[in-house]
């Protein structure tokens, strides 16, 4: 049997604060899902979204588009994802994320916002061509103190659909 490398995992973080708790949570979840994790913290490159200088932005767009497994993380802002994340994702065409398996990760201060990932973020990712085989992972700020129990509960239901979504490419690569 040929050993296949783990699919590349990209953590895309839409929190406007550099080095945020959302970034730490995204990196943690991405690390639980695979190896070779790359992080894109939009807070550090967002200033290029509306300028002619795209020296940091274009490589980030390429990295996200080439991800096999994409963790898209956002805090809840005004009962939705951040404008920073939306502005970045708006730079892709209709199938700009085709081939990526996406996991929406939502950090919420209030459990009442538990459906933000399902109602707002999932449709955006699907519109861009990503496959979203699981429910969004929503954690509260209290969960951030010890993220593993929340991730374990989510993985109990999400691991099989994620594996099925990732398997076709792995099988084709083995041929």
C-alpha atoms as a PDB file:
ATOM      1  CA  UNK A   1       0.000   0.000   0.000  1.00  0.00           C
ATOM      2  CA  UNK A   2       1.303   3.433  -0.924  1.00  0.00           C
ATOM      3  CA  UNK A   3       1.308   5.903   1.966  1.00  0.00           C
ATOM      4  CA  UNK A   4      -0.421   9.106   0.939  1.00  0.00           C
ATOM      5  CA  UNK A   5       0.473  12.400   2.584  1.00  0.00           C
ATOM      6  CA  UNK A   6      -2.222  13.981   4.713  1.00  0.00           C
ATOM      7  CA  UNK A   7      -4.331  16.456   2.776  1.00  0.00           C
ATOM      8  CA  UNK A   8      -3.209  20.013   3.198  1.00  0.00           C
ATOM      9  CA  UNK A   9      -5.272  21.837   5.788  1.00  0.00           C
ATOM     10  CA  UNK A  10      -5.729  25.595   5.653  1.00  0.00           C
ATOM     11  CA  UNK A  11      -7.175  27.617   8.509  1.00  0.00           C
ATOM     12  CA  UNK A  12      -8.728  30.813   7.105  1.00  0.00           C
ATOM     13  CA  UNK A  13      -9.520  33.275   9.883  1.00  0.00           C
ATOM     14  CA  UNK A  14     -11.825  36.260   9.441  1.00  0.00           C
ATOM     15  CA  UNK A  15     -11.369  37.923  12.811  1.00  0.00           C
ATOM     16  CA  UNK A  16     -10.224  41.536  12.334  1.00  0.00           C
ATOM     17  CA  UNK A  17      -7.877  41.293  15.351  1.00  0.00           C
ATOM     18  CA  UNK A  18      -4.414  39.860  14.608  1.00  0.00           C
ATOM     19  CA  UNK A  19      -3.515  36.808  16.667  1.00  0.00           C
ATOM     20  CA  UNK A  20      -7.094  36.432  17.911  1.00  0.00           C
ATOM     21  CA  UNK A  21      -8.690  33.636  19.900  1.00  0.00           C
ATOM     22  CA  UNK A  22     -10.476  32.760  16.657  1.00  0.00           C
ATOM     23  CA  UNK A  23      -7.066  32.152  15.056  1.00  0.00           C
ATOM     24  CA  UNK A  24      -6.005  29.932  17.958  1.00  0.00           C
ATOM     25  CA  UNK A  25      -9.261  27.967  17.758  1.00  0.00           C
ATOM     26  CA  UNK A  26      -8.964  27.554  13.977  1.00  0.00           C
ATOM     27  CA  UNK A  27      -5.386  26.318  14.271  1.00  0.00           C
ATOM     28  CA  UNK A  28      -6.418  23.899  17.008  1.00  0.00           C
ATOM     29  CA  UNK A  29      -9.309  22.489  14.973  1.00  0.00           C
ATOM     30  CA  UNK A  30      -7.201  22.312  11.803  1.00  0.00           C
ATOM     31  CA  UNK A  31      -4.515  20.463  13.733  1.00  0.00           C
ATOM     32  CA  UNK A  32      -7.090  17.954  14.939  1.00  0.00           C
ATOM     33  CA  UNK A  33      -8.229  17.378  11.346  1.00  0.00           C
ATOM     34  CA  UNK A  34      -4.877  16.860   9.672  1.00  0.00           C
ATOM     35  CA  UNK A  35      -1.222  17.623   9.363  1.00  0.00           C
ATOM     36  CA  UNK A  36       0.609  20.267   7.389  1.00  0.00           C
ATOM     37  CA  UNK A  37      -1.581  23.146   8.605  1.00  0.00           C
ATOM     38  CA  UNK A  38      -1.243  26.572   7.017  1.00  0.00           C
ATOM     39  CA  UNK A  39      -2.955  29.569   8.610  1.00  0.00           C
ATOM     40  CA  UNK A  40      -4.233  32.678   6.854  1.00  0.00           C
ATOM     41  CA  UNK A  41      -4.996  35.393   9.417  1.00  0.00           C
ATOM     42  CA  UNK A  42      -6.933  37.974   7.402  1.00  0.00           C
ATOM     43  CA  UNK A  43      -6.299  40.602  10.082  1.00  0.00           C
ATOM     44  CA  UNK A  44      -2.673  40.702   8.935  1.00  0.00           C
ATOM     45  CA  UNK A  45      -3.412  41.091   5.207  1.00  0.00           C
ATOM     46  CA  UNK A  46      -6.875  42.652   5.143  1.00  0.00           C
ATOM     47  CA  UNK A  47      -5.445  46.106   4.500  1.00  0.00           C
ATOM     48  CA  UNK A  48      -4.707  44.941   0.933  1.00  0.00           C
ATOM     49  CA  UNK A  49      -8.329  44.091   0.155  1.00  0.00           C
ATOM     50  CA  UNK A  50      -9.036  47.567  -1.151  1.00  0.00           C
ATOM     51  CA  UNK A  51      -5.656  48.673  -2.493  1.00  0.00           C
ATOM     52  CA  UNK A  52      -3.561  48.048  -5.573  1.00  0.00           C
ATOM     53  CA  UNK A  53      -0.902  46.287  -3.498  1.00  0.00           C
ATOM     54  CA  UNK A  54      -1.846  42.601  -3.450  1.00  0.00           C
ATOM     55  CA  UNK A  55       1.581  41.199  -2.577  1.00  0.00           C
ATOM     56  CA  UNK A  56       0.217  39.391   0.494  1.00  0.00           C
ATOM     57  CA  UNK A  57      -3.366  38.970  -0.657  1.00  0.00           C
ATOM     58  CA  UNK A  58      -2.781  37.066  -3.909  1.00  0.00           C
ATOM     59  CA  UNK A  59      -0.649  34.318  -2.333  1.00  0.00           C
ATOM     60  CA  UNK A  60      -3.275  33.922   0.402  1.00  0.00           C
ATOM     61  CA  UNK A  61      -6.036  33.594  -2.200  1.00  0.00           C
ATOM     62  CA  UNK A  62      -4.008  30.906  -3.970  1.00  0.00           C
ATOM     63  CA  UNK A  63      -3.305  28.995  -0.765  1.00  0.00           C
ATOM     64  CA  UNK A  64      -6.976  28.951   0.204  1.00  0.00           C
ATOM     65  CA  UNK A  65      -8.103  27.945  -3.302  1.00  0.00           C
ATOM     66  CA  UNK A  66      -5.653  25.015  -3.345  1.00  0.00           C
ATOM     67  CA  UNK A  67      -6.608  23.705   0.103  1.00  0.00           C
ATOM     68  CA  UNK A  68      -7.977  20.213   0.225  1.00  0.00           C
ATOM     69  CA  UNK A  69      -9.421  20.783   3.702  1.00  0.00           C
ATOM     70  CA  UNK A  70     -10.362  24.339   4.635  1.00  0.00           C
ATOM     71  CA  UNK A  71     -11.331  25.460   8.130  1.00  0.00           C
ATOM     72  CA  UNK A  72     -13.120  28.799   7.717  1.00  0.00           C
ATOM     73  CA  UNK A  73     -13.280  30.522  11.090  1.00  0.00           C
ATOM     74  CA  UNK A  74     -15.129  33.645  12.128  1.00  0.00           C
ATOM     75  CA  UNK A  75     -16.393  35.246  15.276  1.00  0.00           C
ATOM     76  CA  UNK A  76     -20.047  36.236  15.249  1.00  0.00           C
ATOM     77  CA  UNK A  77     -20.455  39.900  14.284  1.00  0.00           C
ATOM     78  CA  UNK A  78     -23.983  41.297  14.074  1.00  0.00           C
ATOM     79  CA  UNK A  79     -25.411  37.735  13.984  1.00  0.00           C
ATOM     80  CA  UNK A  80     -23.267  36.737  10.984  1.00  0.00           C
ATOM     81  CA  UNK A  81     -19.677  36.264   9.827  1.00  0.00           C
ATOM     82  CA  UNK A  82     -17.301  39.219   9.615  1.00  0.00           C
ATOM     83  CA  UNK A  83     -17.158  41.693   6.759  1.00  0.00           C
ATOM     84  CA  UNK A  84     -13.424  40.992   6.537  1.00  0.00           C
ATOM     85  CA  UNK A  85     -14.092  37.342   5.734  1.00  0.00           C
ATOM     86  CA  UNK A  86     -16.824  38.269   3.245  1.00  0.00           C
ATOM     87  CA  UNK A  87     -14.590  40.799   1.488  1.00  0.00           C
ATOM     88  CA  UNK A  88     -11.855  38.182   1.088  1.00  0.00           C
ATOM     89  CA  UNK A  89     -14.196  35.456  -0.154  1.00  0.00           C
ATOM     90  CA  UNK A  90     -15.836  37.901  -2.579  1.00  0.00           C
ATOM     91  CA  UNK A  91     -12.591  37.866  -4.566  1.00  0.00           C
ATOM     92  CA  UNK A  92     -13.322  34.305  -5.761  1.00  0.00           C
ATOM     93  CA  UNK A  93     -15.500  33.447  -8.718  1.00  0.00           C
ATOM     94  CA  UNK A  94     -18.470  31.050  -8.514  1.00  0.00           C
ATOM     95  CA  UNK A  95     -16.285  27.915  -8.319  1.00  0.00           C
ATOM     96  CA  UNK A  96     -13.226  29.491  -6.747  1.00  0.00           C
ATOM     97  CA  UNK A  97     -13.170  26.948  -3.930  1.00  0.00           C
ATOM     98  CA  UNK A  98     -14.128  23.914  -6.030  1.00  0.00           C
ATOM     99  CA  UNK A  99     -12.297  20.857  -4.771  1.00  0.00           C
ATOM    100  CA  UNK A 100     -12.015  22.127  -1.209  1.00  0.00           C
ATOM    101  CA  UNK A 101     -13.761  20.388   1.651  1.00  0.00           C
ATOM    102  CA  UNK A 102     -14.775  23.177   4.022  1.00  0.00           C
ATOM    103  CA  UNK A 103     -15.505  23.195   7.735  1.00  0.00           C
ATOM    104  CA  UNK A 104     -17.235  26.348   8.970  1.00  0.00           C
ATOM    105  CA  UNK A 105     -16.017  27.248  12.475  1.00  0.00           C
ATOM    106  CA  UNK A 106     -17.977  29.904  14.341  1.00  0.00           C
ATOM    107  CA  UNK A 107     -16.938  31.474  17.637  1.00  0.00           C
ATOM    108  CA  UNK A 108     -19.934  32.909  19.450  1.00  0.00           C
ATOM    109  CA  UNK A 109     -20.291  34.852  22.658  1.00  0.00           C
ATOM    110  CA  UNK A 110     -23.905  33.766  22.910  1.00  0.00           C
ATOM    111  CA  UNK A 111     -25.319  30.260  22.341  1.00  0.00           C
ATOM    112  CA  UNK A 112     -28.282  31.924  20.607  1.00  0.00           C
ATOM    113  CA  UNK A 113     -25.999  32.384  17.585  1.00  0.00           C
ATOM    114  CA  UNK A 114     -25.437  28.646  17.157  1.00  0.00           C
ATOM    115  CA  UNK A 115     -26.872  28.621  13.626  1.00  0.00           C
ATOM    116  CA  UNK A 116     -24.712  31.395  12.147  1.00  0.00           C
ATOM    117  CA  UNK A 117     -22.484  28.839  10.436  1.00  0.00           C
ATOM    118  CA  UNK A 118     -25.406  26.934   8.965  1.00  0.00           C
ATOM    119  CA  UNK A 119     -27.558  29.886   7.939  1.00  0.00           C
ATOM    120  CA  UNK A 120     -24.902  32.326   6.723  1.00  0.00           C
ATOM    121  CA  UNK A 121     -21.454  30.782   6.223  1.00  0.00           C
ATOM    122  CA  UNK A 122     -22.360  27.389   4.715  1.00  0.00           C
ATOM    123  CA  UNK A 123     -24.349  28.885   1.780  1.00  0.00           C
ATOM    124  CA  UNK A 124     -21.455  31.220   0.943  1.00  0.00           C
ATOM    125  CA  UNK A 125     -18.935  28.363   0.899  1.00  0.00           C
ATOM    126  CA  UNK A 126     -21.227  26.173  -1.215  1.00  0.00           C
ATOM    127  CA  UNK A 127     -21.799  29.065  -3.640  1.00  0.00           C
ATOM    128  CA  UNK A 128     -18.029  29.230  -4.090  1.00  0.00           C
ATOM    129  CA  UNK A 129     -17.927  25.528  -4.967  1.00  0.00           C
ATOM    130  CA  UNK A 130     -16.646  24.091  -1.686  1.00  0.00           C
ATOM    131  CA  UNK A 131     -18.025  20.835  -0.356  1.00  0.00           C
ATOM    132  CA  UNK A 132     -19.397  21.251   3.177  1.00  0.00           C
ATOM    133  CA  UNK A 133     -20.155  17.676   4.306  1.00  0.00           C
ATOM    134  CA  UNK A 134     -20.773  18.374   8.002  1.00  0.00           C
ATOM    135  CA  UNK A 135     -22.652  20.735  10.225  1.00  0.00           C
ATOM    136  CA  UNK A 136     -20.713  23.813  11.224  1.00  0.00           C
ATOM    137  CA  UNK A 137     -18.624  23.639  14.350  1.00  0.00           C
ATOM    138  CA  UNK A 138     -19.908  26.347  16.663  1.00  0.00           C
ATOM    139  CA  UNK A 139     -18.154  27.020  19.952  1.00  0.00           C
ATOM    140  CA  UNK A 140     -18.822  29.616  22.575  1.00  0.00           C
ATOM    141  CA  UNK A 141     -16.220  31.821  24.169  1.00  0.00           C
ATOM    142  CA  UNK A 142     -16.476  29.620  27.291  1.00  0.00           C
ATOM    143  CA  UNK A 143     -15.504  26.590  25.146  1.00  0.00           C
ATOM    144  CA  UNK A 144     -12.281  28.351  24.181  1.00  0.00           C
ATOM    145  CA  UNK A 145     -10.872  27.651  27.651  1.00  0.00           C
ATOM    146  CA  UNK A 146     -10.786  23.933  26.771  1.00  0.00           C
ATOM    147  CA  UNK A 147     -11.694  23.398  23.138  1.00  0.00           C
ATOM    148  CA  UNK A 148     -11.213  19.636  22.963  1.00  0.00           C
ATOM    149  CA  UNK A 149     -14.571  18.569  24.476  1.00  0.00           C
ATOM    150  CA  UNK A 150     -16.503  20.691  21.957  1.00  0.00           C
ATOM    151  CA  UNK A 151     -14.343  19.447  19.067  1.00  0.00           C
ATOM    152  CA  UNK A 152     -14.711  15.839  20.270  1.00  0.00           C
ATOM    153  CA  UNK A 153     -18.528  16.151  20.321  1.00  0.00           C
ATOM    154  CA  UNK A 154     -18.504  17.624  16.814  1.00  0.00           C
ATOM    155  CA  UNK A 155     -16.048  15.017  15.492  1.00  0.00           C
ATOM    156  CA  UNK A 156     -18.221  12.181  16.812  1.00  0.00           C
ATOM    157  CA  UNK A 157     -20.705  13.084  14.074  1.00  0.00           C
ATOM    158  CA  UNK A 158     -18.453  14.845  11.570  1.00  0.00           C
ATOM    159  CA  UNK A 159     -15.516  12.489  11.112  1.00  0.00           C
ATOM    160  CA  UNK A 160     -17.299   9.962   8.868  1.00  0.00           C
ATOM    161  CA  UNK A 161     -18.747  12.575   6.452  1.00  0.00           C
ATOM    162  CA  UNK A 162     -15.393  14.373   6.359  1.00  0.00           C
ATOM    163  CA  UNK A 163     -13.562  11.149   5.574  1.00  0.00           C
ATOM    164  CA  UNK A 164     -16.033  10.286   2.795  1.00  0.00           C
ATOM    165  CA  UNK A 165     -15.629  13.760   1.288  1.00  0.00           C
ATOM    166  CA  UNK A 166     -11.822  13.507   1.382  1.00  0.00           C
ATOM    167  CA  UNK A 167     -11.503   9.878   0.258  1.00  0.00           C
ATOM    168  CA  UNK A 168     -12.195  10.191  -3.490  1.00  0.00           C
ATOM    169  CA  UNK A 169      -9.143  12.377  -4.029  1.00  0.00           C
ATOM    170  CA  UNK A 170      -6.958  10.142  -1.887  1.00  0.00           C
ATOM    171  CA  UNK A 171      -8.089   7.042  -3.817  1.00  0.00           C
ATOM    172  CA  UNK A 172      -7.432   8.741  -7.165  1.00  0.00           C
ATOM    173  CA  UNK A 173      -3.956   9.809  -6.017  1.00  0.00           C
ATOM    174  CA  UNK A 174      -3.112   6.190  -5.159  1.00  0.00           C
ATOM    175  CA  UNK A 175      -3.783   5.044  -8.743  1.00  0.00           C
END
